[in-house]
Amino acid sequence: MSITSQEKQFRGIKIAIGAAALATVGIGRIVWGMIPKKMQVASNVDLHRFSGTWFEIARKPVSLERKSFHHITYEYHVVAKNKLSTNLRYQTKEGRVIQLSGEAIVKNPPDNSQYLVSYTPKVLKKPKKTNFWIMRIDEVYQVCLVGNKKRTRLWLFSRQPTLDACIVDEYLDFAREQGFDTDNMIFVDHNPQAVPSKIKMLS
């Protein structure tokens, strides 16, 4: 039986689709192979030195923090063994100050570099839990890089509202070496708007 030109064209399309699919799989394997299988994290983190206020310098997009938020800070305090209180505070674009409280449970003592944060604001039906890994922190506890195992979340923190561009580049280069995409980093404006007389608490 002779093969029509239409059947030949159809076979050619199937071959092309199959080749494209194999190429995609191959590229995916190559990209996956470039990502370090084990992420480097800090060791022997002193929770008391880690405690205090951290200014968020930059982050990957996250639903809890809108792009329009200003003057974002995280505050930690040791409240029990392997447990810290945590407060996320930010200003909306209208200038209102919002505070979201929760707790952080250390998952890998005594290294203290991995912790689970749970926020329980009234606006949420159930607690929101997120795993954080302290990837890098300087010797004097002034700069800190935090991410997660899936490489979907990344924060750069500093004790001061501004950070030298060279230090920012150094820490983001380190994040890229660990397999993070930093092209979509959001940098925070720490020039607060008019501060209202009342802080709205969400927990």
Protein backbone atom coordinates (compact mmCIF):
# COMPACT_ATOMS: atom_id res chain seq x y z
CA MET A 1 0.00 0.00 0.00
CA SER A 2 1.46 3.37 -0.97
CA ILE A 3 1.83 6.09 1.63
CA THR A 4 0.10 9.36 0.79
CA SER A 5 1.83 12.71 1.11
CA GLN A 6 -0.53 13.57 4.01
CA GLU A 7 0.53 10.47 5.94
CA LYS A 8 4.19 11.30 5.31
CA GLN A 9 3.58 14.81 6.63
CA PHE A 10 1.83 13.43 9.72
CA ARG A 11 4.74 11.05 10.43
CA GLY A 12 7.17 13.91 10.03
CA ILE A 13 5.24 15.98 12.58
CA LYS A 14 5.25 13.09 15.09
CA ILE A 15 9.00 12.65 14.66
CA ALA A 16 9.58 16.37 15.18
CA ILE A 17 7.43 16.42 18.33
CA GLY A 18 9.23 13.37 19.70
CA ALA A 19 12.62 14.93 19.04
CA ALA A 20 11.56 18.17 20.73
CA ALA A 21 10.32 16.23 23.77
CA LEU A 22 13.60 14.34 24.07
CA ALA A 23 15.55 17.58 23.74
CA THR A 24 13.47 19.17 26.52
CA VAL A 25 14.12 16.22 28.82
CA GLY A 26 17.81 16.39 28.04
CA ILE A 27 17.99 20.11 28.77
CA GLY A 28 16.05 19.58 31.99
CA ARG A 29 18.52 16.93 33.13
CA ILE A 30 21.45 19.19 32.32
CA VAL A 31 19.92 22.12 34.26
CA TRP A 32 19.05 19.85 37.20
CA GLY A 33 22.59 18.52 37.17
CA MET A 34 23.92 22.06 37.51
CA ILE A 35 21.99 22.61 40.75
CA PRO A 36 23.94 21.46 43.82
CA LYS A 37 22.20 18.43 45.33
CA LYS A 38 23.10 19.55 48.85
CA MET A 39 22.65 23.19 49.83
CA GLN A 40 25.33 24.73 51.99
CA VAL A 41 24.04 26.07 55.32
CA ALA A 42 25.59 27.81 58.29
CA SER A 43 26.78 25.87 61.33
CA ASN A 44 26.88 26.63 65.04
CA VAL A 45 24.55 29.62 64.83
CA ASP A 46 24.36 31.44 68.17
CA LEU A 47 20.64 32.06 68.61
CA HIS A 48 21.18 34.84 71.12
CA ARG A 49 23.46 36.70 68.74
CA PHE A 50 21.06 35.98 65.88
CA SER A 51 18.22 37.50 67.93
CA GLY A 52 17.19 41.10 67.42
CA THR A 53 16.01 43.12 64.44
CA TRP A 54 16.97 42.35 60.85
CA PHE A 55 16.19 44.70 57.95
CA GLU A 56 15.09 42.91 54.81
CA ILE A 57 17.40 44.11 52.03
CA ALA A 58 16.13 41.87 49.23
CA ARG A 59 13.98 38.78 48.66
CA LYS A 60 12.51 36.53 46.02
CA PRO A 61 8.75 37.09 45.54
CA VAL A 62 6.66 35.59 48.35
CA SER A 63 2.90 35.80 48.91
CA LEU A 64 3.26 37.05 52.49
CA GLU A 65 5.09 40.18 51.36
CA ARG A 66 3.72 42.33 48.58
CA LYS A 67 6.03 44.16 46.23
CA SER A 68 4.62 47.50 47.44
CA PHE A 69 5.58 46.94 51.10
CA HIS A 70 8.20 49.28 52.57
CA HIS A 71 10.51 49.21 55.61
CA ILE A 72 10.26 45.44 56.16
CA THR A 73 11.91 44.05 59.28
CA TYR A 74 12.08 40.67 61.01
CA GLU A 75 12.64 40.48 64.76
CA TYR A 76 13.66 37.33 66.64
CA HIS A 77 14.01 36.63 70.36
CA VAL A 78 14.89 33.40 72.16
CA VAL A 79 11.92 32.40 74.36
CA ALA A 80 12.85 28.78 75.20
CA LYS A 81 15.34 26.10 74.23
CA ASN A 82 15.35 25.82 70.42
CA LYS A 83 12.42 28.24 70.18
CA LEU A 84 12.24 31.89 69.13
CA SER A 85 9.47 34.41 68.82
CA THR A 86 9.32 36.16 65.48
CA ASN A 87 7.73 39.40 64.33
CA LEU A 88 7.40 40.53 60.74
CA ARG A 89 6.72 44.25 60.48
CA TYR A 90 6.19 46.32 57.35
CA GLN A 91 4.56 49.45 55.99
CA THR A 92 1.89 49.36 53.32
CA LYS A 93 2.01 51.77 50.41
CA GLU A 94 -0.56 53.87 52.30
CA GLY A 95 1.83 54.17 55.23
CA ARG A 96 0.10 51.85 57.70
CA VAL A 97 2.36 49.74 59.92
CA ILE A 98 1.40 46.06 60.08
CA GLN A 99 2.89 43.48 62.42
CA LEU A 100 2.60 39.71 62.03
CA SER A 101 3.74 37.56 64.98
CA GLY A 102 4.64 33.90 65.19
CA GLU A 103 7.26 31.46 66.44
CA ALA A 104 10.31 29.74 65.05
CA ILE A 105 11.27 26.21 66.08
CA VAL A 106 14.90 25.16 65.49
CA LYS A 107 15.04 21.83 63.63
CA ASN A 108 18.76 21.02 63.72
CA PRO A 109 20.34 21.90 67.09
CA PRO A 110 23.12 22.54 67.92
CA ASP A 111 23.89 23.93 64.42
CA ASN A 112 20.68 26.01 64.70
CA SER A 113 20.62 26.86 61.00
CA GLN A 114 17.27 25.30 60.08
CA TYR A 115 14.00 26.42 61.62
CA LEU A 116 10.28 26.17 61.04
CA VAL A 117 8.30 29.41 61.27
CA SER A 118 4.59 29.39 62.02
CA TYR A 119 2.39 32.45 61.70
CA THR A 120 -1.13 32.32 63.13
CA PRO A 121 -2.83 35.62 62.29
CA LYS A 122 -6.57 35.94 62.64
CA VAL A 123 -6.90 36.47 58.89
CA LEU A 124 -5.66 32.92 58.22
CA LYS A 125 -7.84 29.84 58.75
CA LYS A 126 -4.89 27.67 59.76
CA PRO A 127 -1.27 28.28 60.76
CA LYS A 128 1.11 28.98 57.88
CA LYS A 129 4.36 27.06 58.38
CA THR A 130 7.50 27.70 56.41
CA ASN A 131 10.95 26.09 56.55
CA PHE A 132 13.90 28.45 56.57
CA TRP A 133 17.61 27.64 56.28
CA ILE A 134 20.30 30.08 57.38
CA MET A 135 22.68 29.64 54.48
CA ARG A 136 25.29 32.19 55.42
CA ILE A 137 25.85 34.63 58.29
CA ASP A 138 28.91 36.78 58.90
CA GLU A 139 31.09 36.42 61.99
CA VAL A 140 29.69 39.53 63.68
CA TYR A 141 26.05 38.69 62.91
CA GLN A 142 25.43 41.76 60.77
CA VAL A 143 24.50 40.14 57.41
CA CYS A 144 22.46 37.01 56.89
CA LEU A 145 21.26 35.00 53.88
CA VAL A 146 18.19 32.78 54.36
CA GLY A 147 16.62 30.38 51.86
CA ASN A 148 14.76 27.09 51.60
CA LYS A 149 15.63 23.65 50.27
CA LYS A 150 13.47 24.01 47.14
CA ARG A 151 15.33 27.19 46.15
CA THR A 152 12.02 29.04 45.83
CA ARG A 153 12.54 31.48 48.71
CA LEU A 154 15.49 33.69 49.46
CA TRP A 155 16.05 36.63 51.79
CA LEU A 156 19.05 38.89 52.35
CA PHE A 157 19.01 40.52 55.80
CA SER A 158 21.15 43.18 57.44
CA ARG A 159 21.26 44.84 60.84
CA GLN A 160 21.18 48.17 59.01
CA PRO A 161 18.56 49.42 56.50
CA THR A 162 21.22 49.76 53.80
CA LEU A 163 23.97 47.39 52.69
CA ASP A 164 27.02 48.02 50.55
CA ALA A 165 26.47 46.91 46.96
CA CYS A 166 29.64 44.79 47.02
CA ILE A 167 28.32 42.82 50.00
CA VAL A 168 24.94 42.39 48.29
CA ASP A 169 26.67 41.02 45.18
CA GLU A 170 28.84 38.71 47.28
CA TYR A 171 25.89 37.13 49.06
CA LEU A 172 23.74 36.85 45.94
CA ASP A 173 26.67 35.24 44.09
CA PHE A 174 26.82 32.69 46.92
CA ALA A 175 23.07 32.06 46.51
CA ARG A 176 23.50 31.47 42.78
CA GLU A 177 26.28 28.98 43.52
CA GLN A 178 23.74 27.11 45.66
CA GLY A 179 21.31 26.89 42.74
CA PHE A 180 19.09 29.94 43.36
CA ASP A 181 17.70 32.10 40.58
CA THR A 182 18.25 35.71 41.68
CA ASP A 183 16.96 37.46 38.57
CA ASN A 184 13.62 38.24 40.23
CA MET A 185 14.95 39.61 43.52
CA ILE A 186 12.91 42.47 45.01
CA PHE A 187 14.89 45.18 46.81
CA VAL A 188 13.17 46.85 49.76
CA ASP A 189 12.71 50.57 50.22
CA HIS A 190 13.56 51.49 53.81
CA ASN A 191 12.41 55.08 53.63
CA PRO A 192 9.25 54.77 55.76
CA GLN A 193 6.17 56.74 54.83
CA ALA A 194 4.22 58.82 57.34
CA VAL A 195 4.01 56.63 60.46
CA PRO A 196 0.49 56.36 61.89
CA SER A 197 -0.23 56.59 65.60
CA LYS A 198 -1.45 52.99 65.79
CA ILE A 199 0.14 49.71 64.71
CA LYS A 200 -2.23 47.08 63.36
CA MET A 201 -1.57 43.65 64.86
CA LEU A 202 -2.48 40.57 62.83
CA SER A 203 -2.01 38.04 65.61
